[in-house]
PDB file of all heavy atoms in Angstrom:
ATOM      1  N   GLN A   1      90.461 122.680   7.779  1.00  0.00           N
ATOM      2  CA  GLN A   1      89.767 121.393   7.686  1.00  0.00           C
ATOM      3  C   GLN A   1      88.683 121.419   6.613  1.00  0.00           C
ATOM      4  O   GLN A   1      88.563 120.485   5.805  1.00  0.00           O
ATOM      5  CB  GLN A   1      89.158 121.030   9.045  1.00  0.00           C
ATOM      6  CG  GLN A   1      88.478 119.663   9.077  1.00  0.00           C
ATOM      7  CD  GLN A   1      87.901 119.336  10.447  1.00  0.00           C
ATOM      8  OE1 GLN A   1      88.051 120.099  11.395  1.00  0.00           O
ATOM      9  NE2 GLN A   1      87.225 118.195  10.552  1.00  0.00           N
ATOM     10  N   VAL A   2      87.910 122.493   6.591  1.00  0.00           N
ATOM     11  CA  VAL A   2      86.830 122.583   5.607  1.00  0.00           C
ATOM     12  C   VAL A   2      87.395 122.758   4.203  1.00  0.00           C
ATOM     13  O   VAL A   2      86.852 122.209   3.234  1.00  0.00           O
ATOM     14  CB  VAL A   2      85.871 123.738   5.948  1.00  0.00           C
ATOM     15  CG1 VAL A   2      84.770 123.849   4.896  1.00  0.00           C
ATOM     16  CG2 VAL A   2      85.247 123.533   7.312  1.00  0.00           C
ATOM     17  N   LEU A   3      88.478 123.507   4.061  1.00  0.00           N
ATOM     18  CA  LEU A   3      89.102 123.660   2.739  1.00  0.00           C
ATOM     19  C   LEU A   3      89.515 122.306   2.177  1.00  0.00           C
ATOM     20  O   LEU A   3      89.281 122.019   1.000  1.00  0.00           O
ATOM     21  CB  LEU A   3      90.299 124.592   2.825  1.00  0.00           C
ATOM     22  CG  LEU A   3      91.127 124.729   1.536  1.00  0.00           C
ATOM     23  CD1 LEU A   3      90.272 125.255   0.388  1.00  0.00           C
ATOM     24  CD2 LEU A   3      92.336 125.640   1.772  1.00  0.00           C
ATOM     25  N   ARG A   4      90.104 121.461   3.014  1.00  0.00           N
ATOM     26  CA  ARG A   4      90.495 120.120   2.547  1.00  0.00           C
ATOM     27  C   ARG A   4      89.268 119.331   2.091  1.00  0.00           C
ATOM     28  O   ARG A   4      89.309 118.634   1.061  1.00  0.00           O
ATOM     29  CB  ARG A   4      91.237 119.376   3.653  1.00  0.00           C
ATOM     30  CG  ARG A   4      92.659 119.881   3.893  1.00  0.00           C
ATOM     31  CD  ARG A   4      93.439 118.914   4.762  1.00  0.00           C
ATOM     32  NE  ARG A   4      92.887 118.818   6.104  1.00  0.00           N
ATOM     33  CZ  ARG A   4      93.234 119.596   7.120  1.00  0.00           C
ATOM     34  NH1 ARG A   4      94.129 120.560   6.932  1.00  0.00           N
ATOM     35  NH2 ARG A   4      92.697 119.428   8.314  1.00  0.00           N
ATOM     36  N   GLN A   5      88.184 119.415   2.836  1.00  0.00           N
ATOM     37  CA  GLN A   5      86.958 118.724   2.440  1.00  0.00           C
ATOM     38  C   GLN A   5      86.446 119.250   1.104  1.00  0.00           C
ATOM     39  O   GLN A   5      86.019 118.469   0.243  1.00  0.00           O
ATOM     40  CB  GLN A   5      85.882 118.912   3.513  1.00  0.00           C
ATOM     41  CG  GLN A   5      86.144 118.201   4.818  1.00  0.00           C
ATOM     42  CD  GLN A   5      85.023 118.406   5.825  1.00  0.00           C
ATOM     43  OE1 GLN A   5      84.011 119.040   5.521  1.00  0.00           O
ATOM     44  NE2 GLN A   5      85.185 117.870   7.024  1.00  0.00           N
ATOM     45  N   ALA A   6      86.495 120.579   0.931  1.00  0.00           N
ATOM     46  CA  ALA A   6      86.026 121.184  -0.320  1.00  0.00           C
ATOM     47  C   ALA A   6      86.873 120.711  -1.502  1.00  0.00           C
ATOM     48  O   ALA A   6      86.347 120.472  -2.599  1.00  0.00           O
ATOM     49  CB  ALA A   6      86.078 122.706  -0.209  1.00  0.00           C
ATOM     50  N   GLN A   7      88.163 120.564  -1.285  1.00  0.00           N
ATOM     51  CA  GLN A   7      89.038 120.071  -2.353  1.00  0.00           C
ATOM     52  C   GLN A   7      88.734 118.615  -2.679  1.00  0.00           C
ATOM     53  O   GLN A   7      88.716 118.230  -3.852  1.00  0.00           O
ATOM     54  CB  GLN A   7      90.503 120.259  -1.941  1.00  0.00           C
ATOM     55  CG  GLN A   7      90.942 121.716  -1.913  1.00  0.00           C
ATOM     56  CD  GLN A   7      92.300 121.923  -1.276  1.00  0.00           C
ATOM     57  OE1 GLN A   7      92.644 121.260  -0.301  1.00  0.00           O
ATOM     58  NE2 GLN A   7      93.075 122.840  -1.822  1.00  0.00           N
ATOM     59  N   GLU A   8      88.481 117.807  -1.660  1.00  0.00           N
ATOM     60  CA  GLU A   8      88.161 116.398  -1.884  1.00  0.00           C
ATOM     61  C   GLU A   8      86.853 116.234  -2.652  1.00  0.00           C
ATOM     62  O   GLU A   8      86.706 115.312  -3.464  1.00  0.00           O
ATOM     63  CB  GLU A   8      88.071 115.671  -0.537  1.00  0.00           C
ATOM     64  CG  GLU A   8      89.409 115.528   0.167  1.00  0.00           C
ATOM     65  CD  GLU A   8      89.274 115.063   1.609  1.00  0.00           C
ATOM     66  OE1 GLU A   8      88.114 114.848   2.050  1.00  0.00           O
ATOM     67  OE2 GLU A   8      90.299 114.917   2.287  1.00  0.00           O
ATOM     68  N   LEU A   9      85.906 117.148  -2.418  1.00  0.00           N
ATOM     69  CA  LEU A   9      84.593 117.073  -3.079  1.00  0.00           C
ATOM     70  C   LEU A   9      84.583 117.756  -4.445  1.00  0.00           C
ATOM     71  O   LEU A   9      83.577 117.708  -5.155  1.00  0.00           O
ATOM     72  CB  LEU A   9      83.521 117.711  -2.188  1.00  0.00           C
ATOM     73  CG  LEU A   9      83.198 116.961  -0.894  1.00  0.00           C
ATOM     74  CD1 LEU A   9      82.324 117.812   0.016  1.00  0.00           C
ATOM     75  CD2 LEU A   9      82.513 115.637  -1.215  1.00  0.00           C
ATOM     76  N   GLY A  10      85.684 118.418  -4.797  1.00  0.00           N
ATOM     77  CA  GLY A  10      85.746 119.099  -6.082  1.00  0.00           C
ATOM     78  C   GLY A  10      85.177 120.504  -6.067  1.00  0.00           C
ATOM     79  O   GLY A  10      85.071 121.145  -7.119  1.00  0.00           O
ATOM     80  N   TYR A  11      84.833 121.032  -4.895  1.00  0.00           N
ATOM     81  CA  TYR A  11      84.333 122.403  -4.800  1.00  0.00           C
ATOM     82  C   TYR A  11      85.477 123.422  -4.819  1.00  0.00           C
ATOM     83  O   TYR A  11      85.254 124.595  -5.113  1.00  0.00           O
ATOM     84  CB  TYR A  11      83.511 122.603  -3.521  1.00  0.00           C
ATOM     85  CG  TYR A  11      82.192 121.878  -3.502  1.00  0.00           C
ATOM     86  CD1 TYR A  11      81.746 121.231  -2.354  1.00  0.00           C
ATOM     87  CD2 TYR A  11      81.372 121.847  -4.626  1.00  0.00           C
ATOM     88  CE1 TYR A  11      80.522 120.568  -2.324  1.00  0.00           C
ATOM     89  CE2 TYR A  11      80.155 121.192  -4.610  1.00  0.00           C
ATOM     90  CZ  TYR A  11      79.738 120.551  -3.465  1.00  0.00           C
ATOM     91  OH  TYR A  11      78.521 119.899  -3.446  1.00  0.00           O
ATOM     92  N   ALA A  12      86.671 122.983  -4.456  1.00  0.00           N
ATOM     93  CA  ALA A  12      87.838 123.869  -4.436  1.00  0.00           C
ATOM     94  C   ALA A  12      88.964 123.251  -5.253  1.00  0.00           C
ATOM     95  O   ALA A  12      89.134 122.023  -5.275  1.00  0.00           O
ATOM     96  CB  ALA A  12      88.306 124.115  -3.006  1.00  0.00           C
ATOM     97  N   GLU A  13      89.718 124.092  -5.937  1.00  0.00           N
ATOM     98  CA  GLU A  13      90.852 123.636  -6.734  1.00  0.00           C
ATOM     99  C   GLU A  13      92.014 123.230  -5.824  1.00  0.00           C
ATOM    100  O   GLU A  13      92.059 123.590  -4.636  1.00  0.00           O
ATOM    101  CB  GLU A  13      91.320 124.757  -7.668  1.00  0.00           C
ATOM    102  CG  GLU A  13      90.254 125.271  -8.621  1.00  0.00           C
ATOM    103  CD  GLU A  13      89.926 124.281  -9.722  1.00  0.00           C
ATOM    104  OE1 GLU A  13      90.709 123.333  -9.937  1.00  0.00           O
ATOM    105  OE2 GLU A  13      88.870 124.444 -10.363  1.00  0.00           O
ATOM    106  N   ALA A  14      92.968 122.505  -6.405  1.00  0.00           N
ATOM    107  CA  ALA A  14      94.176 122.154  -5.654  1.00  0.00           C
ATOM    108  C   ALA A  14      94.871 123.416  -5.160  1.00  0.00           C
ATOM    109  O   ALA A  14      95.373 123.474  -4.035  1.00  0.00           O
ATOM    110  CB  ALA A  14      95.105 121.318  -6.523  1.00  0.00           C
ATOM    111  N   ASP A  15      94.927 124.437  -6.017  1.00  0.00           N
ATOM    112  CA  ASP A  15      95.371 125.767  -5.602  1.00  0.00           C
ATOM    113  C   ASP A  15      94.120 126.633  -5.511  1.00  0.00           C
ATOM    114  O   ASP A  15      93.611 127.105  -6.526  1.00  0.00           O
ATOM    115  CB  ASP A  15      96.355 126.359  -6.605  1.00  0.00           C
ATOM    116  CG  ASP A  15      96.813 127.764  -6.214  1.00  0.00           C
ATOM    117  OD1 ASP A  15      96.360 128.272  -5.163  1.00  0.00           O
ATOM    118  OD2 ASP A  15      97.611 128.364  -6.959  1.00  0.00           O
ATOM    119  N   PRO A  16      93.612 126.869  -4.299  1.00  0.00           N
ATOM    120  CA  PRO A  16      92.319 127.543  -4.151  1.00  0.00           C
ATOM    121  C   PRO A  16      92.405 129.066  -4.128  1.00  0.00           C
ATOM    122  O   PRO A  16      91.393 129.726  -3.885  1.00  0.00           O
ATOM    123  CB  PRO A  16      91.840 127.025  -2.795  1.00  0.00           C
ATOM    124  CG  PRO A  16      93.107 126.885  -2.003  1.00  0.00           C
ATOM    125  CD  PRO A  16      94.165 126.440  -3.001  1.00  0.00           C
ATOM    126  N   THR A  17      93.588 129.618  -4.391  1.00  0.00           N
ATOM    127  CA  THR A  17      93.805 131.060  -4.206  1.00  0.00           C
ATOM    128  C   THR A  17      92.769 131.914  -4.920  1.00  0.00           C
ATOM    129  O   THR A  17      92.244 132.883  -4.357  1.00  0.00           O
ATOM    130  CB  THR A  17      95.218 131.444  -4.695  1.00  0.00           C
ATOM    131  OG1 THR A  17      96.180 130.675  -3.977  1.00  0.00           O
ATOM    132  CG2 THR A  17      95.488 132.933  -4.470  1.00  0.00           C
ATOM    133  N   ASN A  18      92.474 131.579  -6.161  1.00  0.00           N
ATOM    134  CA  ASN A  18      91.559 132.396  -6.955  1.00  0.00           C
ATOM    135  C   ASN A  18      90.203 132.567  -6.267  1.00  0.00           C
ATOM    136  O   ASN A  18      89.592 133.636  -6.320  1.00  0.00           O
ATOM    137  CB  ASN A  18      91.370 131.773  -8.336  1.00  0.00           C
ATOM    138  CG  ASN A  18      90.987 132.787  -9.395  1.00  0.00           C
ATOM    139  OD1 ASN A  18      91.576 133.858  -9.476  1.00  0.00           O
ATOM    140  ND2 ASN A  18      90.005 132.455 -10.207  1.00  0.00           N
ATOM    141  N   ASP A  19      89.759 131.511  -5.613  1.00  0.00           N
ATOM    142  CA  ASP A  19      88.465 131.551  -4.931  1.00  0.00           C
ATOM    143  C   ASP A  19      88.583 132.149  -3.528  1.00  0.00           C
ATOM    144  O   ASP A  19      87.908 133.122  -3.206  1.00  0.00           O
ATOM    145  CB  ASP A  19      87.876 130.139  -4.832  1.00  0.00           C
ATOM    146  CG  ASP A  19      87.475 129.582  -6.183  1.00  0.00           C
ATOM    147  OD1 ASP A  19      86.849 130.325  -6.966  1.00  0.00           O
ATOM    148  OD2 ASP A  19      87.780 128.411  -6.463  1.00  0.00           O
ATOM    149  N   VAL A  20      89.446 131.555  -2.697  1.00  0.00           N
ATOM    150  CA  VAL A  20      89.441 131.914  -1.273  1.00  0.00           C
ATOM    151  C   VAL A  20      90.002 133.303  -1.009  1.00  0.00           C
ATOM    152  O   VAL A  20      89.696 133.914   0.024  1.00  0.00           O
ATOM    153  CB  VAL A  20      90.179 130.859  -0.422  1.00  0.00           C
ATOM    154  CG1 VAL A  20      89.526 129.497  -0.583  1.00  0.00           C
ATOM    155  CG2 VAL A  20      91.669 130.802  -0.750  1.00  0.00           C
ATOM    156  N   GLU A  21      90.802 133.834  -1.916  1.00  0.00           N
ATOM    157  CA  GLU A  21      91.319 135.188  -1.727  1.00  0.00           C
ATOM    158  C   GLU A  21      90.485 136.248  -2.452  1.00  0.00           C
ATOM    159  O   GLU A  21      90.861 137.412  -2.518  1.00  0.00           O
ATOM    160  CB  GLU A  21      92.783 135.276  -2.160  1.00  0.00           C
ATOM    161  CG  GLU A  21      93.718 134.401  -1.335  1.00  0.00           C
ATOM    162  CD  GLU A  21      93.685 134.702   0.169  1.00  0.00           C
ATOM    163  OE1 GLU A  21      93.228 135.802   0.563  1.00  0.00           O
ATOM    164  OE2 GLU A  21      94.113 133.827   0.952  1.00  0.00           O
ATOM    165  N   GLY A  22      89.357 135.828  -3.033  1.00  0.00           N
ATOM    166  CA  GLY A  22      88.389 136.783  -3.552  1.00  0.00           C
ATOM    167  C   GLY A  22      88.592 137.240  -4.986  1.00  0.00           C
ATOM    168  O   GLY A  22      87.845 138.097  -5.468  1.00  0.00           O
ATOM    169  N   TYR A  23      89.575 136.693  -5.707  1.00  0.00           N
ATOM    170  CA  TYR A  23      89.811 137.143  -7.080  1.00  0.00           C
ATOM    171  C   TYR A  23      88.636 136.799  -7.993  1.00  0.00           C
ATOM    172  O   TYR A  23      88.216 137.620  -8.821  1.00  0.00           O
ATOM    173  CB  TYR A  23      91.100 136.517  -7.638  1.00  0.00           C
ATOM    174  CG  TYR A  23      92.357 137.011  -6.981  1.00  0.00           C
ATOM    175  CD1 TYR A  23      92.983 136.268  -5.989  1.00  0.00           C
ATOM    176  CD2 TYR A  23      92.917 138.237  -7.340  1.00  0.00           C
ATOM    177  CE1 TYR A  23      94.145 136.724  -5.372  1.00  0.00           C
ATOM    178  CE2 TYR A  23      94.080 138.702  -6.734  1.00  0.00           C
ATOM    179  CZ  TYR A  23      94.686 137.936  -5.751  1.00  0.00           C
ATOM    180  OH  TYR A  23      95.829 138.397  -5.129  1.00  0.00           O
ATOM    181  N   ASP A  24      88.115 135.586  -7.865  1.00  0.00           N
ATOM    182  CA  ASP A  24      86.987 135.164  -8.693  1.00  0.00           C
ATOM    183  C   ASP A  24      85.801 136.106  -8.505  1.00  0.00           C
ATOM    184  O   ASP A  24      85.198 136.569  -9.479  1.00  0.00           O
ATOM    185  CB  ASP A  24      86.603 133.722  -8.326  1.00  0.00           C
ATOM    186  CG  ASP A  24      85.391 133.221  -9.082  1.00  0.00           C
ATOM    187  OD1 ASP A  24      85.539 132.831 -10.252  1.00  0.00           O
ATOM    188  OD2 ASP A  24      84.280 133.225  -8.503  1.00  0.00           O
ATOM    189  N   ALA A  25      85.467 136.414  -7.262  1.00  0.00           N
ATOM    190  CA  ALA A  25      84.351 137.324  -6.993  1.00  0.00           C
ATOM    191  C   ALA A  25      84.667 138.731  -7.487  1.00  0.00           C
ATOM    192  O   ALA A  25      83.771 139.455  -7.928  1.00  0.00           O
ATOM    193  CB  ALA A  25      84.049 137.342  -5.494  1.00  0.00           C
ATOM    194  N   GLN A  26      85.920 139.125  -7.429  1.00  0.00           N
ATOM    195  CA  GLN A  26      86.331 140.450  -7.913  1.00  0.00           C
ATOM    196  C   GLN A  26      86.083 140.570  -9.415  1.00  0.00           C
ATOM    197  O   GLN A  26      85.549 141.589  -9.889  1.00  0.00           O
ATOM    198  CB  GLN A  26      87.803 140.662  -7.589  1.00  0.00           C
ATOM    199  CG  GLN A  26      88.341 142.057  -7.899  1.00  0.00           C
ATOM    200  CD  GLN A  26      89.836 142.144  -7.632  1.00  0.00           C
ATOM    201  OE1 GLN A  26      90.577 141.176  -7.808  1.00  0.00           O
ATOM    202  NE2 GLN A  26      90.288 143.311  -7.203  1.00  0.00           N
ATOM    203  N   PHE A  27      86.450 139.543 -10.184  1.00  0.00           N
ATOM    204  CA  PHE A  27      86.193 139.552 -11.630  1.00  0.00           C
ATOM    205  C   PHE A  27      84.689 139.682 -11.902  1.00  0.00           C
ATOM    206  O   PHE A  27      84.255 140.474 -12.754  1.00  0.00           O
ATOM    207  CB  PHE A  27      86.700 138.265 -12.288  1.00  0.00           C
ATOM    208  CG  PHE A  27      88.176 138.023 -12.154  1.00  0.00           C
ATOM    209  CD1 PHE A  27      88.675 136.723 -12.070  1.00  0.00           C
ATOM    210  CD2 PHE A  27      89.081 139.070 -12.124  1.00  0.00           C
ATOM    211  CE1 PHE A  27      90.027 136.476 -11.953  1.00  0.00           C
ATOM    212  CE2 PHE A  27      90.442 138.841 -12.009  1.00  0.00           C
ATOM    213  CZ  PHE A  27      90.917 137.534 -11.920  1.00  0.00           C
ATOM    214  N   LYS A  28      83.904 138.882 -11.185  1.00  0.00           N
ATOM    215  CA  LYS A  28      82.457 138.875 -11.414  1.00  0.00           C
ATOM    216  C   LYS A  28      81.814 140.200 -11.033  1.00  0.00           C
ATOM    217  O   LYS A  28      80.920 140.686 -11.726  1.00  0.00           O
ATOM    218  CB  LYS A  28      81.825 137.726 -10.624  1.00  0.00           C
ATOM    219  CG  LYS A  28      82.242 136.343 -11.119  1.00  0.00           C
ATOM    220  CD  LYS A  28      81.757 135.253 -10.183  1.00  0.00           C
ATOM    221  CE  LYS A  28      82.165 133.874 -10.664  1.00  0.00           C
ATOM    222  NZ  LYS A  28      81.797 132.797  -9.708  1.00  0.00           N
ATOM    223  N   LEU A  29      82.275 140.796  -9.927  1.00  0.00           N
ATOM    224  CA  LEU A  29      81.708 142.069  -9.502  1.00  0.00           C
ATOM    225  C   LEU A  29      82.022 143.174 -10.504  1.00  0.00           C
ATOM    226  O   LEU A  29      81.199 144.072 -10.719  1.00  0.00           O
ATOM    227  CB  LEU A  29      82.229 142.456  -8.116  1.00  0.00           C
ATOM    228  CG  LEU A  29      81.685 143.776  -7.542  1.00  0.00           C
ATOM    229  CD1 LEU A  29      80.162 143.748  -7.436  1.00  0.00           C
ATOM    230  CD2 LEU A  29      82.308 144.081  -6.190  1.00  0.00           C
ATOM    231  N   ALA A  30      83.197 143.124 -11.129  1.00  0.00           N
ATOM    232  CA  ALA A  30      83.533 144.131 -12.137  1.00  0.00           C
ATOM    233  C   ALA A  30      82.504 144.122 -13.266  1.00  0.00           C
ATOM    234  O   ALA A  30      82.103 145.178 -13.778  1.00  0.00           O
ATOM    235  CB  ALA A  30      84.936 143.876 -12.690  1.00  0.00           C
ATOM    236  N   ILE A  31      82.047 142.937 -13.651  1.00  0.00           N
ATOM    237  CA  ILE A  31      81.031 142.810 -14.701  1.00  0.00           C
ATOM    238  C   ILE A  31      79.662 143.232 -14.180  1.00  0.00           C
ATOM    239  O   ILE A  31      78.962 144.052 -14.788  1.00  0.00           O
ATOM    240  CB  ILE A  31      80.979 141.356 -15.216  1.00  0.00           C
ATOM    241  CG1 ILE A  31      82.316 140.948 -15.840  1.00  0.00           C
ATOM    242  CG2 ILE A  31      79.850 141.190 -16.232  1.00  0.00           C
ATOM    243  CD1 ILE A  31      82.430 139.459 -16.132  1.00  0.00           C
ATOM    244  N   LEU A  32      79.277 142.682 -13.045  1.00  0.00           N
ATOM    245  CA  LEU A  32      77.931 142.914 -12.521  1.00  0.00           C
ATOM    246  C   LEU A  32      77.714 144.377 -12.151  1.00  0.00           C
ATOM    247  O   LEU A  32      76.666 144.960 -12.470  1.00  0.00           O
ATOM    248  CB  LEU A  32      77.701 142.015 -11.308  1.00  0.00           C
ATOM    249  CG  LEU A  32      76.312 142.045 -10.681  1.00  0.00           C
ATOM    250  CD1 LEU A  32      75.243 141.714 -11.707  1.00  0.00           C
ATOM    251  CD2 LEU A  32      76.246 141.068  -9.503  1.00  0.00           C
ATOM    252  N   ALA A  33      78.690 145.000 -11.504  1.00  0.00           N
ATOM    253  CA  ALA A  33      78.538 146.401 -11.109  1.00  0.00           C
ATOM    254  C   ALA A  33      78.502 147.313 -12.330  1.00  0.00           C
ATOM    255  O   ALA A  33      77.761 148.300 -12.358  1.00  0.00           O
ATOM    256  CB  ALA A  33      79.668 146.807 -10.170  1.00  0.00           C
ATOM    257  N   SER A  34      79.286 147.006 -13.350  1.00  0.00           N
ATOM    258  CA  SER A  34      79.254 147.810 -14.574  1.00  0.00           C
ATOM    259  C   SER A  34      77.859 147.805 -15.183  1.00  0.00           C
ATOM    260  O   SER A  34      77.338 148.845 -15.600  1.00  0.00           O
ATOM    261  CB  SER A  34      80.266 147.265 -15.589  1.00  0.00           C
ATOM    262  OG  SER A  34      81.604 147.389 -15.130  1.00  0.00           O
ATOM    263  N   LEU A  35      77.244 146.643 -15.226  1.00  0.00           N
ATOM    264  CA  LEU A  35      75.911 146.526 -15.806  1.00  0.00           C
ATOM    265  C   LEU A  35      74.847 147.168 -14.910  1.00  0.00           C
ATOM    266  O   LEU A  35      73.925 147.829 -15.397  1.00  0.00           O
ATOM    267  CB  LEU A  35      75.568 145.050 -16.024  1.00  0.00           C
ATOM    268  CG  LEU A  35      76.419 144.314 -17.060  1.00  0.00           C
ATOM    269  CD1 LEU A  35      76.184 142.815 -16.967  1.00  0.00           C
ATOM    270  CD2 LEU A  35      76.128 144.809 -18.467  1.00  0.00           C
ATOM    271  N   ALA A  36      74.979 146.980 -13.603  1.00  0.00           N
ATOM    272  CA  ALA A  36      73.967 147.490 -12.682  1.00  0.00           C
ATOM    273  C   ALA A  36      73.956 149.009 -12.628  1.00  0.00           C
ATOM    274  O   ALA A  36      72.886 149.622 -12.521  1.00  0.00           O
ATOM    275  CB  ALA A  36      74.215 146.926 -11.280  1.00  0.00           C
ATOM    276  N   PHE A  37      75.143 149.637 -12.736  1.00  0.00           N
ATOM    277  CA  PHE A  37      75.234 151.086 -12.566  1.00  0.00           C
ATOM    278  C   PHE A  37      75.550 151.826 -13.861  1.00  0.00           C
ATOM    279  O   PHE A  37      75.637 153.056 -13.874  1.00  0.00           O
ATOM    280  CB  PHE A  37      76.266 151.415 -11.489  1.00  0.00           C
ATOM    281  CG  PHE A  37      75.958 150.773 -10.164  1.00  0.00           C
ATOM    282  CD1 PHE A  37      76.687 149.683  -9.716  1.00  0.00           C
ATOM    283  CD2 PHE A  37      74.909 151.227  -9.382  1.00  0.00           C
ATOM    284  CE1 PHE A  37      76.390 149.073  -8.506  1.00  0.00           C
ATOM    285  CE2 PHE A  37      74.599 150.630  -8.170  1.00  0.00           C
ATOM    286  CZ  PHE A  37      75.344 149.545  -7.729  1.00  0.00           C
ATOM    287  N   GLY A  38      75.698 151.082 -14.967  1.00  0.00           N
ATOM    288  CA  GLY A  38      75.895 151.711 -16.270  1.00  0.00           C
ATOM    289  C   GLY A  38      77.202 152.460 -16.410  1.00  0.00           C
ATOM    290  O   GLY A  38      77.321 153.375 -17.226  1.00  0.00           O
TER     291      GLY A  38
END
């Protein structure tokens, strides 16, 4: 129910896989952790 609301509001894509399955955060963590720990 909340996913549908997020899609209607533009917070989630029609295909939300990249966000809800953690891929987006995985990409970002690869960058952030590299910088934080050198």
